[in-house]
PDB file of N, CA and C in Angstrom:
ATOM      1  N   UNK A   1      13.671   9.655 -26.783  1.00  0.00           N
ATOM      2  CA  UNK A   1      13.970   8.287 -26.093  1.00  0.00           C
ATOM      3  C   UNK A   1      14.763   7.684 -26.911  1.00  0.00           C
ATOM      4  N   UNK A   2      15.910   7.214 -26.130  1.00  0.00           N
ATOM      5  CA  UNK A   2      17.262   6.438 -26.498  1.00  0.00           C
ATOM      6  C   UNK A   2      16.616   5.178 -27.102  1.00  0.00           C
ATOM      7  N   UNK A   3      16.674   4.520 -28.178  1.00  0.00           N
ATOM      8  CA  UNK A   3      16.595   3.268 -28.495  1.00  0.00           C
ATOM      9  C   UNK A   3      18.070   2.794 -28.827  1.00  0.00           C
ATOM     10  N   UNK A   4      18.212   1.487 -27.931  1.00  0.00           N
ATOM     11  CA  UNK A   4      19.272   0.894 -27.921  1.00  0.00           C
ATOM     12  C   UNK A   4      19.357  -0.172 -29.020  1.00  0.00           C
ATOM     13  N   UNK A   5      20.682  -0.195 -29.709  1.00  0.00           N
ATOM     14  CA  UNK A   5      21.021  -0.995 -30.514  1.00  0.00           C
ATOM     15  C   UNK A   5      22.080  -2.107 -30.236  1.00  0.00           C
ATOM     16  N   UNK A   6      22.585  -2.163 -29.329  1.00  0.00           N
ATOM     17  CA  UNK A   6      23.997  -2.758 -28.922  1.00  0.00           C
ATOM     18  C   UNK A   6      23.996  -3.446 -27.552  1.00  0.00           C
ATOM     19  N   UNK A   7      22.797  -2.954 -26.709  1.00  0.00           N
ATOM     20  CA  UNK A   7      22.789  -3.882 -25.485  1.00  0.00           C
ATOM     21  C   UNK A   7      21.285  -4.133 -25.426  1.00  0.00           C
ATOM     22  N   UNK A   8      20.751  -5.368 -25.226  1.00  0.00           N
ATOM     23  CA  UNK A   8      19.152  -5.453 -25.026  1.00  0.00           C
ATOM     24  C   UNK A   8      18.635  -5.282 -23.583  1.00  0.00           C
ATOM     25  N   UNK A   9      17.496  -4.505 -23.597  1.00  0.00           N
ATOM     26  CA  UNK A   9      16.977  -4.359 -22.251  1.00  0.00           C
ATOM     27  C   UNK A   9      15.482  -4.497 -22.477  1.00  0.00           C
ATOM     28  N   UNK A  10      14.957  -4.773 -20.741  1.00  0.00           N
ATOM     29  CA  UNK A  10      13.550  -4.601 -21.317  1.00  0.00           C
ATOM     30  C   UNK A  10      12.825  -3.404 -20.774  1.00  0.00           C
ATOM     31  N   UNK A  11      11.386  -3.330 -20.578  1.00  0.00           N
ATOM     32  CA  UNK A  11      11.036  -2.381 -19.933  1.00  0.00           C
ATOM     33  C   UNK A  11      11.100  -2.204 -18.343  1.00  0.00           C
ATOM     34  N   UNK A  12      11.395  -3.140 -17.766  1.00  0.00           N
ATOM     35  CA  UNK A  12      11.569  -2.948 -16.112  1.00  0.00           C
ATOM     36  C   UNK A  12      13.034  -3.197 -16.054  1.00  0.00           C
ATOM     37  N   UNK A  13      14.010  -2.989 -16.995  1.00  0.00           N
ATOM     38  CA  UNK A  13      15.400  -2.371 -16.623  1.00  0.00           C
ATOM     39  C   UNK A  13      16.289  -1.850 -17.604  1.00  0.00           C
ATOM     40  N   UNK A  14      17.291  -1.493 -17.062  1.00  0.00           N
ATOM     41  CA  UNK A  14      18.283  -0.709 -18.143  1.00  0.00           C
ATOM     42  C   UNK A  14      19.520  -1.148 -17.686  1.00  0.00           C
ATOM     43  N   UNK A  15      20.444  -0.878 -18.949  1.00  0.00           N
ATOM     44  CA  UNK A  15      21.959  -1.348 -18.748  1.00  0.00           C
ATOM     45  C   UNK A  15      22.589  -0.402 -18.421  1.00  0.00           C
ATOM     46  N   UNK A  16      23.955  -0.631 -18.020  1.00  0.00           N
ATOM     47  CA  UNK A  16      24.942   0.394 -17.783  1.00  0.00           C
ATOM     48  C   UNK A  16      26.370  -0.171 -17.891  1.00  0.00           C
ATOM     49  N   UNK A  17      27.302   0.377 -18.330  1.00  0.00           N
ATOM     50  CA  UNK A  17      28.520   0.189 -18.723  1.00  0.00           C
ATOM     51  C   UNK A  17      29.364   0.622 -17.715  1.00  0.00           C
ATOM     52  N   UNK A  18      30.248   0.627 -16.745  1.00  0.00           N
ATOM     53  CA  UNK A  18      31.233   1.302 -16.157  1.00  0.00           C
ATOM     54  C   UNK A  18      32.647   0.432 -16.460  1.00  0.00           C
ATOM     55  N   UNK A  19      33.978   1.239 -16.156  1.00  0.00           N
ATOM     56  CA  UNK A  19      35.044   0.897 -15.912  1.00  0.00           C
ATOM     57  C   UNK A  19      35.775   1.033 -14.635  1.00  0.00           C
ATOM     58  N   UNK A  20      36.240  -0.399 -13.966  1.00  0.00           N
ATOM     59  CA  UNK A  20      36.754  -0.296 -12.548  1.00  0.00           C
ATOM     60  C   UNK A  20      37.442  -1.042 -12.283  1.00  0.00           C
ATOM     61  N   UNK A  21      38.559  -0.909 -11.582  1.00  0.00           N
ATOM     62  CA  UNK A  21      39.421  -1.896 -11.049  1.00  0.00           C
ATOM     63  C   UNK A  21      38.789  -2.521  -9.832  1.00  0.00           C
ATOM     64  N   UNK A  22      39.163  -3.752 -10.069  1.00  0.00           N
ATOM     65  CA  UNK A  22      38.261  -5.166  -9.072  1.00  0.00           C
ATOM     66  C   UNK A  22      38.291  -4.546  -7.814  1.00  0.00           C
ATOM     67  N   UNK A  23      39.200  -3.889  -7.243  1.00  0.00           N
ATOM     68  CA  UNK A  23      39.149  -3.824  -5.756  1.00  0.00           C
ATOM     69  C   UNK A  23      38.628  -2.022  -5.718  1.00  0.00           C
ATOM     70  N   UNK A  24      37.816  -1.876  -4.831  1.00  0.00           N
ATOM     71  CA  UNK A  24      37.450  -0.405  -4.708  1.00  0.00           C
ATOM     72  C   UNK A  24      38.797  -0.320  -3.608  1.00  0.00           C
ATOM     73  N   UNK A  25      38.763   1.180  -4.258  1.00  0.00           N
ATOM     74  CA  UNK A  25      40.160   1.745  -3.510  1.00  0.00           C
ATOM     75  C   UNK A  25      39.478   2.380  -1.561  1.00  0.00           C
ATOM     76  N   UNK A  26      40.420   2.862  -1.117  1.00  0.00           N
ATOM     77  CA  UNK A  26      39.822   3.203  -0.028  1.00  0.00           C
ATOM     78  C   UNK A  26      38.956   4.195   0.163  1.00  0.00           C
ATOM     79  N   UNK A  27      39.373   5.384  -0.647  1.00  0.00           N
ATOM     80  CA  UNK A  27      38.501   6.146  -0.923  1.00  0.00           C
ATOM     81  C   UNK A  27      37.055   5.992  -1.515  1.00  0.00           C
ATOM     82  N   UNK A  28      37.093   5.234  -2.384  1.00  0.00           N
ATOM     83  CA  UNK A  28      35.480   4.648  -3.366  1.00  0.00           C
ATOM     84  C   UNK A  28      34.859   4.289  -2.049  1.00  0.00           C
ATOM     85  N   UNK A  29      35.724   3.116  -1.001  1.00  0.00           N
ATOM     86  CA  UNK A  29      34.569   2.752  -0.271  1.00  0.00           C
ATOM     87  C   UNK A  29      33.888   3.810   0.952  1.00  0.00           C
ATOM     88  N   UNK A  30      34.946   4.571   1.042  1.00  0.00           N
ATOM     89  CA  UNK A  30      34.425   5.823   2.219  1.00  0.00           C
ATOM     90  C   UNK A  30      33.158   6.416   1.336  1.00  0.00           C
ATOM     91  N   UNK A  31      33.571   6.673  -0.270  1.00  0.00           N
ATOM     92  CA  UNK A  31      32.570   7.412  -0.762  1.00  0.00           C
ATOM     93  C   UNK A  31      31.408   7.052  -0.988  1.00  0.00           C
ATOM     94  N   UNK A  32      31.341   5.560  -0.857  1.00  0.00           N
ATOM     95  CA  UNK A  32      30.010   4.592  -0.788  1.00  0.00           C
ATOM     96  C   UNK A  32      29.299   4.704   0.605  1.00  0.00           C
ATOM     97  N   UNK A  33      30.155   4.476   1.524  1.00  0.00           N
ATOM     98  CA  UNK A  33      29.692   4.836   2.838  1.00  0.00           C
ATOM     99  C   UNK A  33      28.902   5.880   2.971  1.00  0.00           C
ATOM    100  N   UNK A  34      29.541   6.876   2.697  1.00  0.00           N
ATOM    101  CA  UNK A  34      29.114   8.702   2.780  1.00  0.00           C
ATOM    102  C   UNK A  34      27.876   8.903   2.065  1.00  0.00           C
ATOM    103  N   UNK A  35      27.726   8.122   0.735  1.00  0.00           N
ATOM    104  CA  UNK A  35      26.745   8.164   0.108  1.00  0.00           C
ATOM    105  C   UNK A  35      25.324   7.540   0.575  1.00  0.00           C
ATOM    106  N   UNK A  36      25.772   6.443   1.157  1.00  0.00           N
ATOM    107  CA  UNK A  36      24.452   5.553   1.752  1.00  0.00           C
ATOM    108  C   UNK A  36      24.168   6.455   2.745  1.00  0.00           C
ATOM    109  N   UNK A  37      25.116   6.781   3.744  1.00  0.00           N
ATOM    110  CA  UNK A  37      24.654   7.194   4.956  1.00  0.00           C
ATOM    111  C   UNK A  37      23.599   8.457   4.230  1.00  0.00           C
ATOM    112  N   UNK A  38      24.232   9.576   3.657  1.00  0.00           N
ATOM    113  CA  UNK A  38      23.590  10.665   3.149  1.00  0.00           C
ATOM    114  C   UNK A  38      21.998  10.430   2.357  1.00  0.00           C
ATOM    115  N   UNK A  39      22.142   9.234   1.615  1.00  0.00           N
ATOM    116  CA  UNK A  39      20.937   9.329   0.717  1.00  0.00           C
ATOM    117  C   UNK A  39      19.860   7.700   1.098  1.00  0.00           C
ATOM    118  N   UNK A  40      20.375   7.390   1.805  1.00  0.00           N
ATOM    119  CA  UNK A  40      19.647   5.933   2.092  1.00  0.00           C
ATOM    120  C   UNK A  40      19.199   5.714   3.930  1.00  0.00           C
ATOM    121  N   UNK A  41      20.279   6.668   4.166  1.00  0.00           N
ATOM    122  CA  UNK A  41      19.712   5.960   5.899  1.00  0.00           C
ATOM    123  C   UNK A  41      18.686   6.932   6.660  1.00  0.00           C
ATOM    124  N   UNK A  42      18.003   8.079   6.037  1.00  0.00           N
ATOM    125  CA  UNK A  42      17.655   9.651   6.352  1.00  0.00           C
ATOM    126  C   UNK A  42      18.022  10.385   7.115  1.00  0.00           C
ATOM    127  N   UNK A  43      17.148  11.570   8.011  1.00  0.00           N
ATOM    128  CA  UNK A  43      17.901  12.479   8.608  1.00  0.00           C
ATOM    129  C   UNK A  43      17.712  12.236  10.127  1.00  0.00           C
ATOM    130  N   UNK A  44      18.391  12.695  10.555  1.00  0.00           N
ATOM    131  CA  UNK A  44      18.095  12.641  12.164  1.00  0.00           C
ATOM    132  C   UNK A  44      17.030  13.553  12.641  1.00  0.00           C
ATOM    133  N   UNK A  45      15.962  12.792  13.394  1.00  0.00           N
ATOM    134  CA  UNK A  45      14.996  13.676  13.722  1.00  0.00           C
ATOM    135  C   UNK A  45      14.830  13.631  14.974  1.00  0.00           C
ATOM    136  N   UNK A  46      15.390  12.783  16.115  1.00  0.00           N
ATOM    137  CA  UNK A  46      15.171  12.799  17.290  1.00  0.00           C
ATOM    138  C   UNK A  46      16.488  11.417  18.097  1.00  0.00           C
ATOM    139  N   UNK A  47      16.958  11.947  19.217  1.00  0.00           N
ATOM    140  CA  UNK A  47      17.968  11.227  20.144  1.00  0.00           C
ATOM    141  C   UNK A  47      17.415  11.625  21.692  1.00  0.00           C
ATOM    142  N   UNK A  48      16.488  12.007  21.613  1.00  0.00           N
ATOM    143  CA  UNK A  48      15.558  12.138  22.864  1.00  0.00           C
ATOM    144  C   UNK A  48      13.970  12.407  23.358  1.00  0.00           C
ATOM    145  N   UNK A  49      13.919  11.761  24.409  1.00  0.00           N
ATOM    146  CA  UNK A  49      12.285  11.932  24.448  1.00  0.00           C
ATOM    147  C   UNK A  49      11.794  13.078  24.215  1.00  0.00           C
ATOM    148  N   UNK A  50      12.393  14.109  24.432  1.00  0.00           N
ATOM    149  CA  UNK A  50      11.715  15.528  24.387  1.00  0.00           C
ATOM    150  C   UNK A  50      11.810  15.499  22.744  1.00  0.00           C
ATOM    151  N   UNK A  51      12.952  15.443  21.899  1.00  0.00           N
ATOM    152  CA  UNK A  51      12.997  15.488  20.491  1.00  0.00           C
ATOM    153  C   UNK A  51      12.093  14.814  19.871  1.00  0.00           C
ATOM    154  N   UNK A  52      11.877  13.448  20.486  1.00  0.00           N
ATOM    155  CA  UNK A  52      10.814  12.625  19.989  1.00  0.00           C
ATOM    156  C   UNK A  52       9.362  13.079  20.431  1.00  0.00           C
ATOM    157  N   UNK A  53       8.935  13.422  21.452  1.00  0.00           N
ATOM    158  CA  UNK A  53       7.456  14.333  21.514  1.00  0.00           C
ATOM    159  C   UNK A  53       7.247  14.841  20.462  1.00  0.00           C
ATOM    160  N   UNK A  54       8.423  16.102  20.343  1.00  0.00           N
ATOM    161  CA  UNK A  54       8.301  16.995  19.200  1.00  0.00           C
ATOM    162  C   UNK A  54       7.637  16.327  18.067  1.00  0.00           C
ATOM    163  N   UNK A  55       8.694  15.433  17.688  1.00  0.00           N
ATOM    164  CA  UNK A  55       8.298  14.908  16.241  1.00  0.00           C
ATOM    165  C   UNK A  55       7.122  14.024  16.151  1.00  0.00           C
ATOM    166  N   UNK A  56       6.939  13.200  16.885  1.00  0.00           N
ATOM    167  CA  UNK A  56       5.756  12.492  16.711  1.00  0.00           C
ATOM    168  C   UNK A  56       4.381  13.622  16.565  1.00  0.00           C
ATOM    169  N   UNK A  57       4.232  14.415  17.673  1.00  0.00           N
ATOM    170  CA  UNK A  57       3.179  15.498  17.521  1.00  0.00           C
ATOM    171  C   UNK A  57       3.372  16.083  16.336  1.00  0.00           C
ATOM    172  N   UNK A  58       4.464  16.672  15.612  1.00  0.00           N
ATOM    173  CA  UNK A  58       4.411  17.383  14.343  1.00  0.00           C
ATOM    174  C   UNK A  58       3.867  16.269  13.272  1.00  0.00           C
ATOM    175  N   UNK A  59       4.585  15.182  12.978  1.00  0.00           N
ATOM    176  CA  UNK A  59       3.970  14.290  12.225  1.00  0.00           C
ATOM    177  C   UNK A  59       2.933  13.302  12.328  1.00  0.00           C
ATOM    178  N   UNK A  60       2.393  13.445  13.275  1.00  0.00           N
ATOM    179  CA  UNK A  60       1.225  12.480  13.852  1.00  0.00           C
ATOM    180  C   UNK A  60       1.579  11.089  13.532  1.00  0.00           C
ATOM    181  N   UNK A  61       2.790  10.810  14.526  1.00  0.00           N
ATOM    182  CA  UNK A  61       3.181   9.490  14.553  1.00  0.00           C
ATOM    183  C   UNK A  61       2.069   8.581  15.367  1.00  0.00           C
ATOM    184  N   UNK A  62       1.359   7.548  14.979  1.00  0.00           N
ATOM    185  CA  UNK A  62       0.794   6.758  15.937  1.00  0.00           C
ATOM    186  C   UNK A  62       1.419   6.137  17.053  1.00  0.00           C
ATOM    187  N   UNK A  63       0.735   5.801  18.485  1.00  0.00           N
ATOM    188  CA  UNK A  63       1.596   5.411  19.630  1.00  0.00           C
ATOM    189  C   UNK A  63       2.173   3.948  19.310  1.00  0.00           C
ATOM    190  N   UNK A  64       1.844   3.078  18.681  1.00  0.00           N
ATOM    191  CA  UNK A  64       2.748   1.602  18.193  1.00  0.00           C
ATOM    192  C   UNK A  64       3.955   2.246  17.726  1.00  0.00           C
ATOM    193  N   UNK A  65       3.767   3.302  16.543  1.00  0.00           N
ATOM    194  CA  UNK A  65       5.377   3.466  15.963  1.00  0.00           C
ATOM    195  C   UNK A  65       6.015   4.472  17.106  1.00  0.00           C
ATOM    196  N   UNK A  66       5.318   5.427  17.832  1.00  0.00           N
ATOM    197  CA  UNK A  66       6.217   5.992  18.841  1.00  0.00           C
ATOM    198  C   UNK A  66       6.925   5.211  19.605  1.00  0.00           C
ATOM    199  N   UNK A  67       6.096   3.922  19.994  1.00  0.00           N
ATOM    200  CA  UNK A  67       6.279   3.267  21.401  1.00  0.00           C
ATOM    201  C   UNK A  67       7.780   2.643  20.867  1.00  0.00           C
ATOM    202  N   UNK A  68       7.901   2.180  19.505  1.00  0.00           N
ATOM    203  CA  UNK A  68       8.953   1.490  18.911  1.00  0.00           C
ATOM    204  C   UNK A  68      10.016   2.292  19.018  1.00  0.00           C
ATOM    205  N   UNK A  69       9.805   3.613  18.915  1.00  0.00           N
ATOM    206  CA  UNK A  69      10.968   4.782  18.228  1.00  0.00           C
ATOM    207  C   UNK A  69      11.480   4.734  19.767  1.00  0.00           C
ATOM    208  N   UNK A  70      10.802   5.009  20.479  1.00  0.00           N
ATOM    209  CA  UNK A  70      10.981   5.476  21.982  1.00  0.00           C
ATOM    210  C   UNK A  70      12.264   4.079  22.577  1.00  0.00           C
ATOM    211  N   UNK A  71      11.526   2.825  22.395  1.00  0.00           N
ATOM    212  CA  UNK A  71      12.379   1.946  22.547  1.00  0.00           C
ATOM    213  C   UNK A  71      13.882   1.982  21.936  1.00  0.00           C
ATOM    214  N   UNK A  72      13.781   2.345  20.725  1.00  0.00           N
ATOM    215  CA  UNK A  72      15.137   2.761  20.272  1.00  0.00           C
ATOM    216  C   UNK A  72      15.946   3.785  20.773  1.00  0.00           C
ATOM    217  N   UNK A  73      15.379   4.703  20.976  1.00  0.00           N
ATOM    218  CA  UNK A  73      16.307   6.011  21.828  1.00  0.00           C
ATOM    219  C   UNK A  73      16.774   5.454  23.533  1.00  0.00           C
ATOM    220  N   UNK A  74      15.852   4.565  23.884  1.00  0.00           N
ATOM    221  CA  UNK A  74      16.035   4.012  25.274  1.00  0.00           C
ATOM    222  C   UNK A  74      17.062   3.172  25.231  1.00  0.00           C
ATOM    223  N   UNK A  75      17.540   2.462  24.090  1.00  0.00           N
ATOM    224  CA  UNK A  75      18.548   1.433  24.129  1.00  0.00           C
ATOM    225  C   UNK A  75      19.950   2.472  23.472  1.00  0.00           C
ATOM    226  N   UNK A  76      19.504   3.912  23.248  1.00  0.00           N
ATOM    227  CA  UNK A  76      21.054   4.632  23.246  1.00  0.00           C
ATOM    228  C   UNK A  76      21.200   5.000  21.867  1.00  0.00           C
ATOM    229  N   UNK A  77      19.980   4.510  20.804  1.00  0.00           N
ATOM    230  CA  UNK A  77      20.250   4.842  19.325  1.00  0.00           C
ATOM    231  C   UNK A  77      19.009   6.107  19.109  1.00  0.00           C
ATOM    232  N   UNK A  78      19.588   6.976  17.784  1.00  0.00           N
ATOM    233  CA  UNK A  78      18.663   8.102  17.765  1.00  0.00           C
ATOM    234  C   UNK A  78      17.853   7.481  16.365  1.00  0.00           C
ATOM    235  N   UNK A  79      16.777   8.291  16.247  1.00  0.00           N
ATOM    236  CA  UNK A  79      15.951   8.036  15.227  1.00  0.00           C
ATOM    237  C   UNK A  79      15.907   9.099  14.055  1.00  0.00           C
ATOM    238  N   UNK A  80      16.057   7.965  12.794  1.00  0.00           N
ATOM    239  CA  UNK A  80      16.308   9.146  11.489  1.00  0.00           C
ATOM    240  C   UNK A  80      15.014   8.972  10.572  1.00  0.00           C
ATOM    241  N   UNK A  81      14.587   9.657   9.842  1.00  0.00           N
ATOM    242  CA  UNK A  81      13.974   9.289   8.654  1.00  0.00           C
ATOM    243  C   UNK A  81      13.966  10.158   7.407  1.00  0.00           C
ATOM    244  N   UNK A  82      13.343   9.163   6.388  1.00  0.00           N
ATOM    245  CA  UNK A  82      13.906   9.646   4.898  1.00  0.00           C
ATOM    246  C   UNK A  82      12.736   9.118   4.306  1.00  0.00           C
ATOM    247  N   UNK A  83      12.536   9.602   3.057  1.00  0.00           N
ATOM    248  CA  UNK A  83      11.704   8.924   1.739  1.00  0.00           C
ATOM    249  C   UNK A  83      12.219   8.534   0.793  1.00  0.00           C
ATOM    250  N   UNK A  84      11.150   7.719   0.184  1.00  0.00           N
ATOM    251  CA  UNK A  84      11.582   7.533  -1.315  1.00  0.00           C
ATOM    252  C   UNK A  84      10.509   7.535  -2.470  1.00  0.00           C
ATOM    253  N   UNK A  85      10.942   8.685  -3.114  1.00  0.00           N
ATOM    254  CA  UNK A  85       9.703   9.206  -4.089  1.00  0.00           C
ATOM    255  C   UNK A  85       9.901   7.961  -5.160  1.00  0.00           C
ATOM    256  N   UNK A  86       8.625   7.646  -5.349  1.00  0.00           N
ATOM    257  CA  UNK A  86       8.277   6.669  -6.590  1.00  0.00           C
ATOM    258  C   UNK A  86       7.309   7.564  -7.563  1.00  0.00           C
ATOM    259  N   UNK A  87       6.896   8.606  -7.132  1.00  0.00           N
ATOM    260  CA  UNK A  87       6.260   9.602  -7.926  1.00  0.00           C
ATOM    261  C   UNK A  87       7.112  10.466  -9.087  1.00  0.00           C
ATOM    262  N   UNK A  88       8.012  11.056  -8.373  1.00  0.00           N
ATOM    263  CA  UNK A  88       8.657  12.006  -9.109  1.00  0.00           C
ATOM    264  C   UNK A  88       9.855  11.385  -9.575  1.00  0.00           C
ATOM    265  N   UNK A  89       9.700  10.653 -10.470  1.00  0.00           N
ATOM    266  CA  UNK A  89      11.119   9.954 -11.416  1.00  0.00           C
ATOM    267  C   UNK A  89      11.642   8.835 -10.964  1.00  0.00           C
ATOM    268  N   UNK A  90      12.254   7.982 -10.904  1.00  0.00           N
ATOM    269  CA  UNK A  90      12.899   6.765 -10.725  1.00  0.00           C
ATOM    270  C   UNK A  90      14.270   6.754  -9.580  1.00  0.00           C
ATOM    271  N   UNK A  91      14.001   6.712  -8.777  1.00  0.00           N
ATOM    272  CA  UNK A  91      14.788   6.967  -7.559  1.00  0.00           C
ATOM    273  C   UNK A  91      15.964   5.980  -7.508  1.00  0.00           C
ATOM    274  N   UNK A  92      15.627   4.514  -7.883  1.00  0.00           N
ATOM    275  CA  UNK A  92      17.133   3.706  -8.108  1.00  0.00           C
ATOM    276  C   UNK A  92      18.098   4.112  -9.383  1.00  0.00           C
ATOM    277  N   UNK A  93      17.278   5.167 -10.181  1.00  0.00           N
ATOM    278  CA  UNK A  93      18.415   5.713 -11.159  1.00  0.00           C
ATOM    279  C   UNK A  93      19.094   6.650 -10.307  1.00  0.00           C
ATOM    280  N   UNK A  94      18.554   7.346  -9.746  1.00  0.00           N
ATOM    281  CA  UNK A  94      18.845   8.633  -9.171  1.00  0.00           C
ATOM    282  C   UNK A  94      20.090   8.476  -8.026  1.00  0.00           C
ATOM    283  N   UNK A  95      19.816   7.198  -7.299  1.00  0.00           N
ATOM    284  CA  UNK A  95      20.726   6.370  -6.642  1.00  0.00           C
ATOM    285  C   UNK A  95      21.827   5.947  -7.024  1.00  0.00           C
ATOM    286  N   UNK A  96      21.580   5.140  -8.271  1.00  0.00           N
ATOM    287  CA  UNK A  96      22.816   4.706  -8.902  1.00  0.00           C
ATOM    288  C   UNK A  96      23.664   5.640  -9.478  1.00  0.00           C
ATOM    289  N   UNK A  97      23.033   6.563 -10.290  1.00  0.00           N
ATOM    290  CA  UNK A  97      24.139   7.783 -11.060  1.00  0.00           C
ATOM    291  C   UNK A  97      24.535   8.553  -9.731  1.00  0.00           C
ATOM    292  N   UNK A  98      24.301   8.487  -8.547  1.00  0.00           N
ATOM    293  CA  UNK A  98      24.919   9.327  -7.352  1.00  0.00           C
ATOM    294  C   UNK A  98      25.920   8.528  -7.011  1.00  0.00           C
ATOM    295  N   UNK A  99      25.531   7.052  -6.809  1.00  0.00           N
ATOM    296  CA  UNK A  99      26.806   6.240  -6.509  1.00  0.00           C
ATOM    297  C   UNK A  99      27.924   6.285  -7.003  1.00  0.00           C
ATOM    298  N   UNK A 100      27.937   6.058  -8.558  1.00  0.00           N
ATOM    299  CA  UNK A 100      28.481   6.144  -9.596  1.00  0.00           C
ATOM    300  C   UNK A 100      29.116   7.492  -9.489  1.00  0.00           C
ATOM    301  N   UNK A 101      28.844   8.544  -9.710  1.00  0.00           N
ATOM    302  CA  UNK A 101      29.683   9.716  -9.548  1.00  0.00           C
ATOM    303  C   UNK A 101      30.244  10.045  -8.306  1.00  0.00           C
ATOM    304  N   UNK A 102      29.787   9.573  -7.241  1.00  0.00           N
ATOM    305  CA  UNK A 102      30.872   9.778  -5.937  1.00  0.00           C
ATOM    306  C   UNK A 102      32.081   8.658  -6.173  1.00  0.00           C
ATOM    307  N   UNK A 103      31.825   7.583  -6.453  1.00  0.00           N
ATOM    308  CA  UNK A 103      32.533   6.773  -6.891  1.00  0.00           C
ATOM    309  C   UNK A 103      34.368   7.415  -7.688  1.00  0.00           C
ATOM    310  N   UNK A 104      33.702   7.983  -8.904  1.00  0.00           N
ATOM    311  CA  UNK A 104      34.319   8.396  -9.670  1.00  0.00           C
ATOM    312  C   UNK A 104      35.167   9.617  -9.112  1.00  0.00           C
ATOM    313  N   UNK A 105      34.397  10.469  -8.640  1.00  0.00           N
ATOM    314  CA  UNK A 105      34.912  11.701  -7.674  1.00  0.00           C
ATOM    315  C   UNK A 105      35.972  11.210  -6.930  1.00  0.00           C
ATOM    316  N   UNK A 106      35.707  10.076  -5.999  1.00  0.00           N
ATOM    317  CA  UNK A 106      36.748  10.008  -4.767  1.00  0.00           C
ATOM    318  C   UNK A 106      38.158   9.230  -5.627  1.00  0.00           C
ATOM    319  N   UNK A 107      38.040   8.550  -6.954  1.00  0.00           N
ATOM    320  CA  UNK A 107      39.142   7.846  -7.518  1.00  0.00           C
ATOM    321  C   UNK A 107      38.975   7.910  -9.025  1.00  0.00           C
ATOM    322  N   UNK A 108      39.154   8.815  -9.493  1.00  0.00           N
ATOM    323  CA  UNK A 108      38.939   8.464 -11.020  1.00  0.00           C
ATOM    324  C   UNK A 108      39.717   7.647 -11.825  1.00  0.00           C
ATOM    325  N   UNK A 109      41.053   7.401 -11.283  1.00  0.00           N
ATOM    326  CA  UNK A 109      41.838   6.428 -11.915  1.00  0.00           C
ATOM    327  C   UNK A 109      41.547   5.264 -11.879  1.00  0.00           C
ATOM    328  N   UNK A 110      40.711   4.682 -11.008  1.00  0.00           N
ATOM    329  CA  UNK A 110      40.246   3.247 -11.027  1.00  0.00           C
ATOM    330  C   UNK A 110      38.661   3.190 -11.144  1.00  0.00           C
ATOM    331  N   UNK A 111      37.810   4.244 -11.468  1.00  0.00           N
ATOM    332  CA  UNK A 111      36.386   4.305 -12.041  1.00  0.00           C
ATOM    333  C   UNK A 111      36.204   5.317 -12.898  1.00  0.00           C
ATOM    334  N   UNK A 112      35.414   4.589 -13.773  1.00  0.00           N
ATOM    335  CA  UNK A 112      34.727   5.416 -14.848  1.00  0.00           C
ATOM    336  C   UNK A 112      33.528   5.083 -15.180  1.00  0.00           C
ATOM    337  N   UNK A 113      32.762   6.225 -15.283  1.00  0.00           N
ATOM    338  CA  UNK A 113      31.352   5.485 -16.261  1.00  0.00           C
ATOM    339  C   UNK A 113      31.284   5.410 -17.704  1.00  0.00           C
ATOM    340  N   UNK A 114      31.018   4.484 -18.519  1.00  0.00           N
ATOM    341  CA  UNK A 114      31.361   4.549 -19.685  1.00  0.00           C
ATOM    342  C   UNK A 114      29.756   4.662 -20.234  1.00  0.00           C
ATOM    343  N   UNK A 115      28.546   4.016 -20.060  1.00  0.00           N
ATOM    344  CA  UNK A 115      27.024   4.455 -20.424  1.00  0.00           C
ATOM    345  C   UNK A 115      25.994   4.060 -19.377  1.00  0.00           C
ATOM    346  N   UNK A 116      26.098   5.101 -18.563  1.00  0.00           N
ATOM    347  CA  UNK A 116      25.485   5.097 -17.384  1.00  0.00           C
ATOM    348  C   UNK A 116      23.921   6.281 -17.613  1.00  0.00           C
ATOM    349  N   UNK A 117      23.568   6.428 -18.521  1.00  0.00           N
ATOM    350  CA  UNK A 117      22.330   7.315 -19.064  1.00  0.00           C
ATOM    351  C   UNK A 117      21.311   6.445 -18.440  1.00  0.00           C
ATOM    352  N   UNK A 118      21.100   5.211 -18.477  1.00  0.00           N
ATOM    353  CA  UNK A 118      20.144   4.223 -17.766  1.00  0.00           C
ATOM    354  C   UNK A 118      19.054   4.494 -18.521  1.00  0.00           C
ATOM    355  N   UNK A 119      18.835   4.893 -19.922  1.00  0.00           N
ATOM    356  CA  UNK A 119      17.636   4.856 -20.817  1.00  0.00           C
ATOM    357  C   UNK A 119      17.476   3.867 -21.263  1.00  0.00           C
ATOM    358  N   UNK A 120      16.274   3.228 -21.545  1.00  0.00           N
ATOM    359  CA  UNK A 120      15.799   1.852 -22.217  1.00  0.00           C
ATOM    360  C   UNK A 120      14.936   2.298 -23.140  1.00  0.00           C
TER     361      UNK A 120
END
């Protein structure tokens, strides 16, 4: 376990240090959108009644939830599903580190992780 001597945190939080330009570059904005879409908005599971029927059957979706999902499809939307794991590590840490990595990869001249370990 890492013990911080330079920046104080408590057991429910962790500090980080990054360097970045005040304004995000267009590549970084695109990286944020790509990251959020791929990690936080789920995977498409249905865009038609037939697909929804199969998904609802496979995952035991109750009638109330299925009706709401169908209403979305009737409005021309697609249904996406995902999960957040609280049992297998810290999902927020994973998301923050993934976002920082995506921003740095998109434009390393305007973003750099300094202390991104998130250990406390």
